[in-house]
């Protein structure tokens, strides 16, 4: 009787094995860039790593049959992918062994592209674009179609379908590229032996339009503000929306003229303007005076940018202006620093610049291009090609964080021989 005071009646039977299958807390590990509910761990009941994933309303648990952690991680990824694929196929009553409908392969591609985005191989925007193409066009046209049955003739018909939708050549090319990814998945799964011949389309690319010198000065004159006060207005009102953006009738930010001049004198992209902070900039004074800009990687380029001399004065004035409001610290953004949502900030910059161009009636370029904030970078590079003495394309491309091919295709293509007549007529 005394024994029952300290122990349950059945302790002598079960106490020995209690907790042997419970995860050992210090061994629980989440798989990077996979759902947090996918975990590997060890228990006292086995030397092998276990995997656990919560799916629907229950946990799925398996032994990974390995004591090596790296092998366990890879096995857990395969475990997750196989179960997601199984769910995708079962939800549509698709037999993986016998039928390979586009619905199944589209789901597989969406999973694949989402994983690539999590691994920073592609951007989240790319995933949204691909999903849009799959849902709006490919998924609709090839609904209930077996991938094995698609021939070259079907692809030509799909091309005509896209043309009837009045898609531009660039959009059609994106559609066919996405469609080809589905066939590559089918090849990898050994569902088809080869990809049918895809129709070729002519892509006509119009370079982004820059501004002539006269247009550039016209833009700068329009941005001179009547209010010359150095007081930065950060007070919020009922007009505020997401990220601090005001209504479309809001006045032009005081620093906007500096933003325009900064872009033209530094070769930066709008995506750089969105993220650039004071810590990314160093003023260099010596035989040459310039800004050394060390930005994080954008557009797969991570080299430093060397500015033109005028950028130093622009940056000093900008810093002096925001210094009065305590907004020039290393981690503060150069432009619209009070807006912490940087996607909202760049949207506001785009909106203001569009308003300026529409007011001046120069929104469209000479070839019909729609000009945007990016056109300032185009102008920056074009001006160097026109007025830079003896500059070579490789030097310009590396400094602008692009390639010689892009310079020739999108910037140099806008130049006429007469624009550089002085160089053509020069003598050694």
Protein backbone atom coordinates (compact mmCIF):
# COMPACT_ATOMS: atom_id res chain seq x y z
CA UNK A 1 0.00 0.00 0.00
CA UNK A 2 2.87 2.33 0.89
CA UNK A 3 4.31 1.81 -2.59
CA UNK A 4 1.17 3.19 -4.26
CA UNK A 5 1.65 6.50 -2.42
CA UNK A 6 4.77 7.23 -4.49
CA UNK A 7 4.09 5.31 -7.73
CA UNK A 8 1.21 4.68 -10.08
CA UNK A 9 -0.10 1.15 -10.01
CA UNK A 10 1.28 0.36 -13.46
CA UNK A 11 4.63 2.20 -13.19
CA UNK A 12 6.62 -1.00 -12.93
CA UNK A 13 5.32 -1.96 -16.39
CA UNK A 14 5.57 1.34 -18.34
CA UNK A 15 8.10 3.59 -16.62
CA UNK A 16 11.05 1.99 -18.39
CA UNK A 17 9.90 3.03 -21.90
CA UNK A 18 8.15 6.31 -21.07
CA UNK A 19 9.32 9.20 -23.34
CA UNK A 20 11.54 7.10 -25.60
CA UNK A 21 9.78 8.39 -28.77
CA UNK A 22 9.51 12.01 -27.63
CA UNK A 23 11.89 14.36 -29.54
CA UNK A 24 15.04 15.29 -27.64
CA UNK A 25 14.65 19.12 -27.39
CA UNK A 26 18.25 20.02 -28.25
CA UNK A 27 18.13 17.93 -31.45
CA UNK A 28 14.98 19.52 -32.97
CA UNK A 29 15.96 21.30 -36.19
CA UNK A 30 13.82 23.19 -38.75
CA UNK A 31 14.78 22.81 -42.41
CA UNK A 32 15.95 26.19 -43.80
CA UNK A 33 13.67 27.72 -46.46
CA UNK A 34 10.99 25.07 -45.93
CA UNK A 35 7.78 25.36 -43.86
CA UNK A 36 8.51 25.65 -40.16
CA UNK A 37 6.35 22.58 -39.45
CA UNK A 38 8.90 20.39 -41.22
CA UNK A 39 11.42 19.30 -38.58
CA UNK A 40 14.02 16.64 -37.99
CA UNK A 41 14.97 15.38 -34.54
CA UNK A 42 16.31 12.44 -32.55
CA UNK A 43 14.67 10.29 -29.89
CA UNK A 44 15.94 7.88 -27.26
CA UNK A 45 14.27 5.03 -29.13
CA UNK A 46 16.56 5.12 -32.21
CA UNK A 47 20.01 6.17 -33.33
CA UNK A 48 18.50 7.48 -36.61
CA UNK A 49 17.20 10.97 -37.32
CA UNK A 50 13.40 11.25 -37.54
CA UNK A 51 11.31 13.64 -39.67
CA UNK A 52 7.97 15.13 -38.70
CA UNK A 53 5.59 17.25 -40.76
CA UNK A 54 2.13 18.50 -39.76
CA UNK A 55 -0.20 17.97 -42.70
CA UNK A 56 -3.90 18.66 -42.61
CA UNK A 57 -4.93 17.58 -39.11
CA UNK A 58 -2.18 15.14 -38.21
CA UNK A 59 1.56 14.63 -37.97
CA UNK A 60 3.36 12.42 -40.46
CA UNK A 61 6.44 10.87 -38.87
CA UNK A 62 9.13 8.76 -40.51
CA UNK A 63 12.57 7.45 -39.71
CA UNK A 64 15.21 8.84 -42.09
CA UNK A 65 17.47 5.79 -41.62
CA UNK A 66 20.63 7.86 -41.20
CA UNK A 67 22.72 9.16 -38.33
CA UNK A 68 24.28 11.90 -40.50
CA UNK A 69 22.54 15.26 -40.05
CA UNK A 70 23.25 16.57 -43.60
CA UNK A 71 21.88 13.36 -45.10
CA UNK A 72 18.86 13.67 -42.82
CA UNK A 73 18.18 17.23 -44.03
CA UNK A 74 18.25 16.16 -47.69
CA UNK A 75 16.03 13.16 -46.94
CA UNK A 76 13.57 15.41 -45.10
CA UNK A 77 13.35 17.70 -48.14
CA UNK A 78 12.60 14.72 -50.38
CA UNK A 79 10.01 13.53 -47.85
CA UNK A 80 8.28 16.94 -47.95
CA UNK A 81 8.36 17.24 -51.76
CA UNK A 82 6.97 13.73 -52.24
CA UNK A 83 4.07 14.36 -49.87
CA UNK A 84 3.18 17.71 -51.42
CA UNK A 85 3.24 16.11 -54.87
CA UNK A 86 1.02 13.28 -53.60
CA UNK A 87 -1.50 15.75 -52.23
CA UNK A 88 -1.51 17.74 -55.48
CA UNK A 89 -2.20 14.65 -57.55
CA UNK A 90 -4.81 13.17 -55.20
CA UNK A 91 -6.72 16.45 -54.93
CA UNK A 92 -7.43 16.30 -58.64
CA UNK A 93 -7.89 12.52 -58.72
CA UNK A 94 -4.91 12.25 -61.06
CA UNK A 95 -3.13 8.94 -61.40
CA UNK A 96 0.59 9.72 -61.57
CA UNK A 97 1.34 6.34 -63.13
CA UNK A 98 -1.07 6.68 -66.06
CA UNK A 99 -2.00 10.31 -66.70
CA UNK A 100 0.06 13.45 -66.63
CA UNK A 101 -2.33 16.34 -66.97
CA UNK A 102 -1.19 19.94 -67.08
CA UNK A 103 -2.97 20.63 -63.78
CA UNK A 104 -0.52 18.36 -61.95
CA UNK A 105 2.60 19.69 -63.67
CA UNK A 106 1.49 23.30 -63.14
CA UNK A 107 1.29 22.62 -59.39
CA UNK A 108 4.73 21.04 -59.48
CA UNK A 109 6.15 24.10 -61.28
CA UNK A 110 4.59 26.46 -58.75
CA UNK A 111 6.20 24.51 -55.91
CA UNK A 112 9.54 24.49 -57.75
CA UNK A 113 9.54 28.24 -58.40
CA UNK A 114 8.44 29.05 -54.84
CA UNK A 115 11.38 27.00 -53.50
CA UNK A 116 13.74 28.86 -55.86
CA UNK A 117 12.46 32.17 -54.50
CA UNK A 118 12.99 30.98 -50.92
CA UNK A 119 16.57 30.08 -51.89
CA UNK A 120 16.99 33.60 -53.39
CA UNK A 121 17.59 32.15 -56.85
CA UNK A 122 14.75 34.24 -58.30
CA UNK A 123 12.70 37.15 -56.99
CA UNK A 124 9.24 36.92 -55.45
CA UNK A 125 7.98 39.10 -58.31
CA UNK A 126 9.16 36.47 -60.80
CA UNK A 127 7.08 33.87 -58.97
CA UNK A 128 4.02 36.13 -59.15
CA UNK A 129 4.54 36.65 -62.89
CA UNK A 130 4.91 32.90 -63.55
CA UNK A 131 1.83 32.07 -61.45
CA UNK A 132 -0.15 34.71 -63.33
CA UNK A 133 0.85 33.21 -66.69
CA UNK A 134 -0.01 29.70 -65.48
CA UNK A 135 -3.40 30.70 -64.10
CA UNK A 136 -4.50 33.14 -66.78
CA UNK A 137 -3.29 31.49 -69.99
CA UNK A 138 -1.57 28.07 -69.83
CA UNK A 139 -3.88 26.59 -67.20
CA UNK A 140 -6.96 27.76 -69.10
CA UNK A 141 -5.87 26.70 -72.59
CA UNK A 142 -4.41 23.30 -71.64
CA UNK A 143 -7.04 22.39 -69.04
CA UNK A 144 -7.60 18.58 -68.89
CA UNK A 145 -4.87 18.11 -71.55
CA UNK A 146 -2.28 15.33 -71.20
CA UNK A 147 1.23 16.60 -71.75
CA UNK A 148 2.08 13.47 -73.76
CA UNK A 149 -0.53 14.46 -76.35
CA UNK A 150 0.85 17.94 -77.09
CA UNK A 151 2.53 18.31 -80.49
CA UNK A 152 4.17 21.13 -82.42
CA UNK A 153 0.79 21.84 -84.04
CA UNK A 154 -0.79 22.38 -80.62
CA UNK A 155 1.94 24.87 -79.71
CA UNK A 156 1.38 26.82 -82.92
CA UNK A 157 -2.34 26.96 -82.10
CA UNK A 158 -1.49 28.20 -78.60
CA UNK A 159 0.67 30.94 -80.14
CA UNK A 160 -2.28 32.08 -82.25
CA UNK A 161 -4.46 32.00 -79.14
CA UNK A 162 -2.04 34.39 -77.37
CA UNK A 163 -1.99 36.71 -80.39
CA UNK A 164 -5.81 36.85 -80.35
CA UNK A 165 -5.52 37.95 -76.72
CA UNK A 166 -3.47 40.88 -78.10
CA UNK A 167 -0.42 40.06 -76.00
CA UNK A 168 2.79 41.84 -76.89
CA UNK A 169 5.74 39.82 -78.24
CA UNK A 170 7.56 40.08 -74.90
CA UNK A 171 4.53 38.67 -73.04
CA UNK A 172 4.15 35.89 -75.61
CA UNK A 173 7.82 34.99 -75.16
CA UNK A 174 7.32 34.81 -71.37
CA UNK A 175 4.33 32.51 -71.92
CA UNK A 176 6.28 30.12 -74.13
CA UNK A 177 9.26 30.13 -71.72
CA UNK A 178 6.95 29.21 -68.84
CA UNK A 179 5.29 26.51 -70.95
CA UNK A 180 8.69 25.03 -71.77
CA UNK A 181 9.42 24.74 -68.03
CA UNK A 182 6.42 22.41 -67.74
CA UNK A 183 7.82 20.19 -70.47
CA UNK A 184 11.21 20.13 -68.74
CA UNK A 185 9.53 18.82 -65.58
CA UNK A 186 7.84 16.11 -67.64
CA UNK A 187 11.20 15.18 -69.20
CA UNK A 188 12.80 14.98 -65.75
CA UNK A 189 10.00 12.70 -64.52
CA UNK A 190 10.43 10.49 -67.65
CA UNK A 191 6.83 11.13 -68.67
CA UNK A 192 7.84 12.25 -72.18
CA UNK A 193 10.91 11.52 -74.28
CA UNK A 194 11.39 14.90 -75.93
CA UNK A 195 10.00 18.42 -76.04
CA UNK A 196 8.03 19.29 -79.19
CA UNK A 197 9.45 22.03 -81.41
CA UNK A 198 8.41 25.43 -80.10
CA UNK A 199 7.37 28.16 -82.56
CA UNK A 200 9.79 31.06 -82.91
CA UNK A 201 8.58 34.61 -82.45
CA UNK A 202 10.25 37.88 -83.32
CA UNK A 203 10.87 40.02 -80.27
CA UNK A 204 11.20 43.71 -81.00
CA UNK A 205 12.65 45.55 -78.03
CA UNK A 206 12.47 49.31 -77.82
CA UNK A 207 15.24 50.77 -75.64
CA UNK A 208 14.08 52.80 -72.66
CA UNK A 209 13.91 56.44 -73.60
CA UNK A 210 16.30 58.90 -72.02
CA UNK A 211 16.10 62.70 -72.03
CA UNK A 212 17.86 65.22 -74.19
CA UNK A 213 19.90 67.88 -72.37
CA UNK A 214 17.15 70.43 -73.04
CA UNK A 215 14.53 68.09 -71.59
CA UNK A 216 16.71 67.38 -68.57
CA UNK A 217 17.10 71.07 -67.74
CA UNK A 218 13.39 71.53 -68.34
CA UNK A 219 12.68 68.85 -65.71
CA UNK A 220 15.06 70.45 -63.21
CA UNK A 221 13.51 73.90 -63.67
CA UNK A 222 10.06 72.43 -63.00
CA UNK A 223 11.19 70.95 -59.69
CA UNK A 224 12.33 74.21 -58.13
CA UNK A 225 10.08 74.57 -55.11
CA UNK A 226 8.56 77.86 -54.05
CA UNK A 227 9.07 76.89 -50.43
CA UNK A 228 12.80 77.25 -49.69
CA UNK A 229 12.42 76.37 -46.03
CA UNK A 230 14.87 73.82 -44.63
CA UNK A 231 12.22 72.41 -42.31
CA UNK A 232 11.41 68.79 -43.09
CA UNK A 233 7.66 68.22 -42.77
CA UNK A 234 7.20 64.84 -41.12
CA UNK A 235 3.86 65.52 -39.36
CA UNK A 236 1.23 62.95 -40.27
CA UNK A 237 -2.38 63.80 -41.08
CA UNK A 238 -5.64 62.06 -41.99
CA UNK A 239 -4.37 62.00 -45.59
CA UNK A 240 -1.70 59.44 -44.70
CA UNK A 241 -1.99 56.03 -46.31
CA UNK A 242 0.25 52.96 -46.33
CA UNK A 243 3.87 53.73 -45.53
CA UNK A 244 3.31 57.46 -45.08
CA UNK A 245 2.29 58.15 -48.68
CA UNK A 246 -0.01 61.11 -49.10
CA UNK A 247 -2.72 61.69 -51.69
CA UNK A 248 -1.85 62.28 -55.34
CA UNK A 249 -2.34 66.01 -54.74
CA UNK A 250 0.49 66.06 -52.20
CA UNK A 251 3.27 68.57 -53.01
CA UNK A 252 6.58 67.46 -54.48
CA UNK A 253 9.03 66.39 -51.74
CA UNK A 254 11.66 69.04 -51.04
CA UNK A 255 14.54 66.68 -51.93
CA UNK A 256 13.08 65.54 -55.26
CA UNK A 257 15.26 67.83 -57.36
CA UNK A 258 18.33 66.36 -55.67
CA UNK A 259 17.02 62.86 -56.38
CA UNK A 260 16.84 63.60 -60.12
CA UNK A 261 20.33 65.12 -60.22
CA UNK A 262 21.74 62.33 -58.04
CA UNK A 263 20.50 59.62 -60.41
CA UNK A 264 21.93 61.34 -63.48
CA UNK A 265 25.32 61.82 -61.80
CA UNK A 266 25.65 58.33 -60.27
CA UNK A 267 24.24 55.86 -62.88
CA UNK A 268 22.05 54.20 -60.20
CA UNK A 269 18.80 52.35 -60.89
CA UNK A 270 15.47 53.13 -59.17
CA UNK A 271 15.88 49.87 -57.21
CA UNK A 272 19.16 51.31 -55.88
CA UNK A 273 17.46 54.57 -54.95
CA UNK A 274 14.94 52.56 -52.97
CA UNK A 275 17.55 50.91 -50.73
CA UNK A 276 20.46 53.38 -50.68
CA UNK A 277 21.48 54.57 -47.20
CA UNK A 278 24.13 56.98 -45.96
CA UNK A 279 26.33 54.07 -44.88
CA UNK A 280 26.65 53.05 -48.54
CA UNK A 281 28.32 56.34 -49.52
CA UNK A 282 31.87 57.57 -49.02
CA UNK A 283 33.14 60.95 -50.20
CA UNK A 284 36.59 60.70 -51.82
CA UNK A 285 38.71 63.84 -52.18
CA UNK A 286 42.05 63.88 -53.92
CA UNK A 287 43.16 64.26 -57.50
CA UNK A 288 39.54 63.40 -58.31
CA UNK A 289 36.51 64.25 -56.19
CA UNK A 290 33.68 61.72 -56.28
CA UNK A 291 31.33 59.47 -54.32
CA UNK A 292 32.23 55.83 -53.83
CA UNK A 293 28.92 53.99 -53.61
CA UNK A 294 28.96 50.43 -52.24
CA UNK A 295 25.46 49.06 -52.57
CA UNK A 296 24.10 45.58 -51.82
CA UNK A 297 23.66 43.34 -54.86
CA UNK A 298 20.90 44.38 -57.26
CA UNK A 299 20.14 42.90 -60.68
CA UNK A 300 22.90 40.30 -59.99
CA UNK A 301 25.54 43.08 -59.85
CA UNK A 302 27.45 44.00 -56.69
CA UNK A 303 30.36 46.18 -57.83
CA UNK A 304 31.08 49.69 -56.53
CA UNK A 305 29.85 52.77 -58.36
CA UNK A 306 32.05 55.83 -58.89
CA UNK A 307 30.00 59.00 -59.31
CA UNK A 308 30.62 62.11 -61.35
CA UNK A 309 32.03 65.11 -59.43
CA UNK A 310 28.67 66.93 -59.29
CA UNK A 311 27.24 64.13 -57.14
CA UNK A 312 29.46 65.16 -54.20
CA UNK A 313 27.85 68.59 -53.93
CA UNK A 314 24.38 67.09 -54.35
CA UNK A 315 24.99 64.57 -51.58
CA UNK A 316 26.43 67.23 -49.23
CA UNK A 317 23.38 69.45 -49.70
CA UNK A 318 21.07 66.49 -49.16
CA UNK A 319 22.91 65.49 -45.97
CA UNK A 320 22.90 69.07 -44.66
CA UNK A 321 19.15 69.31 -45.25
CA UNK A 322 18.24 66.07 -43.46
CA UNK A 323 20.84 66.60 -40.72
CA UNK A 324 18.60 69.31 -39.27
CA UNK A 325 15.91 66.69 -38.70
CA UNK A 326 18.26 63.94 -37.48
CA UNK A 327 17.66 61.90 -40.62
CA UNK A 328 21.22 61.62 -41.93
CA UNK A 329 22.47 58.77 -39.75
CA UNK A 330 24.26 55.81 -41.41
CA UNK A 331 21.12 53.65 -41.49
CA UNK A 332 18.84 56.43 -42.75
CA UNK A 333 17.71 56.32 -46.36
CA UNK A 334 18.82 59.11 -48.69
CA UNK A 335 15.40 59.84 -50.15
CA UNK A 336 12.03 59.89 -48.38
CA UNK A 337 13.73 58.60 -45.20
CA UNK A 338 10.57 58.80 -43.08
CA UNK A 339 8.89 56.12 -45.21
CA UNK A 340 10.12 52.81 -43.83
CA UNK A 341 8.13 50.77 -46.34
CA UNK A 342 10.62 51.15 -49.20
CA UNK A 343 8.30 49.63 -51.80
CA UNK A 344 5.85 52.39 -50.89
CA UNK A 345 8.66 54.95 -51.09
CA UNK A 346 9.72 54.04 -54.62
CA UNK A 347 6.06 53.97 -55.71
CA UNK A 348 5.70 57.53 -54.45
CA UNK A 349 8.86 58.62 -56.29
CA UNK A 350 7.54 57.05 -59.50
CA UNK A 351 4.21 58.80 -59.07
CA UNK A 352 5.79 62.22 -58.58
CA UNK A 353 8.12 61.80 -61.55
CA UNK A 354 5.22 60.70 -63.76
CA UNK A 355 3.32 63.85 -62.76
CA UNK A 356 6.30 66.01 -63.69
CA UNK A 357 6.68 64.41 -67.13
CA UNK A 358 2.97 64.60 -67.90
CA UNK A 359 2.86 68.26 -66.90
CA UNK A 360 5.81 69.01 -69.22
CA UNK A 361 4.32 66.82 -71.99
CA UNK A 362 7.48 64.67 -72.26
CA UNK A 363 6.13 61.43 -70.83
CA UNK A 364 6.79 59.62 -74.14
CA UNK A 365 10.13 59.34 -75.93
CA UNK A 366 10.89 59.87 -79.60
CA UNK A 367 10.11 56.20 -80.37
CA UNK A 368 6.94 56.08 -78.30
CA UNK A 369 8.57 54.68 -75.15
CA UNK A 370 6.93 55.47 -71.84
CA UNK A 371 9.49 57.32 -69.76
CA UNK A 372 9.84 56.53 -66.07
CA UNK A 373 12.27 57.14 -63.25
CA UNK A 374 14.50 54.54 -64.95
CA UNK A 375 14.92 56.97 -67.86
CA UNK A 376 17.20 59.06 -65.64
CA UNK A 377 19.68 56.16 -65.51
CA UNK A 378 19.33 55.80 -69.28
CA UNK A 379 20.16 59.50 -69.61
CA UNK A 380 23.13 59.19 -67.26
CA UNK A 381 24.75 56.45 -69.36
CA UNK A 382 23.85 58.10 -72.67
CA UNK A 383 25.42 61.42 -71.59
CA UNK A 384 28.68 59.61 -70.79
CA UNK A 385 28.66 58.02 -74.23
CA UNK A 386 28.07 61.42 -75.79
CA UNK A 387 30.26 63.67 -73.66
CA UNK A 388 32.76 61.39 -71.92
CA UNK A 389 36.13 61.88 -73.57
CA UNK A 390 37.50 58.56 -74.81
CA UNK A 391 35.43 56.46 -72.39
CA UNK A 392 35.29 52.75 -73.27
CA UNK A 393 32.19 50.61 -72.95
CA UNK A 394 33.73 48.08 -70.54
CA UNK A 395 34.66 50.78 -68.00
CA UNK A 396 31.24 52.39 -68.30
CA UNK A 397 29.43 49.04 -68.04
CA UNK A 398 31.33 47.93 -64.91
CA UNK A 399 30.74 51.25 -63.18
CA UNK A 400 27.03 51.25 -64.06
CA UNK A 401 26.76 47.64 -62.83
CA UNK A 402 25.64 46.27 -66.17
CA UNK A 403 27.17 44.53 -69.20
CA UNK A 404 28.69 45.81 -72.43
CA UNK A 405 25.97 43.93 -74.28
CA UNK A 406 23.26 45.86 -72.40
CA UNK A 407 25.05 49.15 -73.06
CA UNK A 408 25.13 48.44 -76.79
CA UNK A 409 21.57 47.10 -76.91
CA UNK A 410 19.70 49.61 -74.76
CA UNK A 411 21.83 52.76 -74.58
CA UNK A 412 24.27 53.05 -77.49
CA UNK A 413 21.49 52.04 -79.90
CA UNK A 414 19.83 55.39 -79.21
CA UNK A 415 22.83 57.37 -80.45
CA UNK A 416 23.20 58.58 -83.99
CA UNK A 417 26.52 59.03 -85.78
CA UNK A 418 25.96 62.80 -85.96
CA UNK A 419 25.74 63.07 -82.18
CA UNK A 420 29.43 62.19 -81.90
CA UNK A 421 30.61 64.01 -84.99
CA UNK A 422 33.52 65.57 -83.10
CA UNK A 423 34.89 62.11 -82.26
CA UNK A 424 34.35 60.93 -85.84
CA UNK A 425 36.28 63.93 -87.19
CA UNK A 426 39.05 63.82 -84.57
CA UNK A 427 42.73 63.17 -85.48
CA UNK A 428 45.62 61.66 -83.54
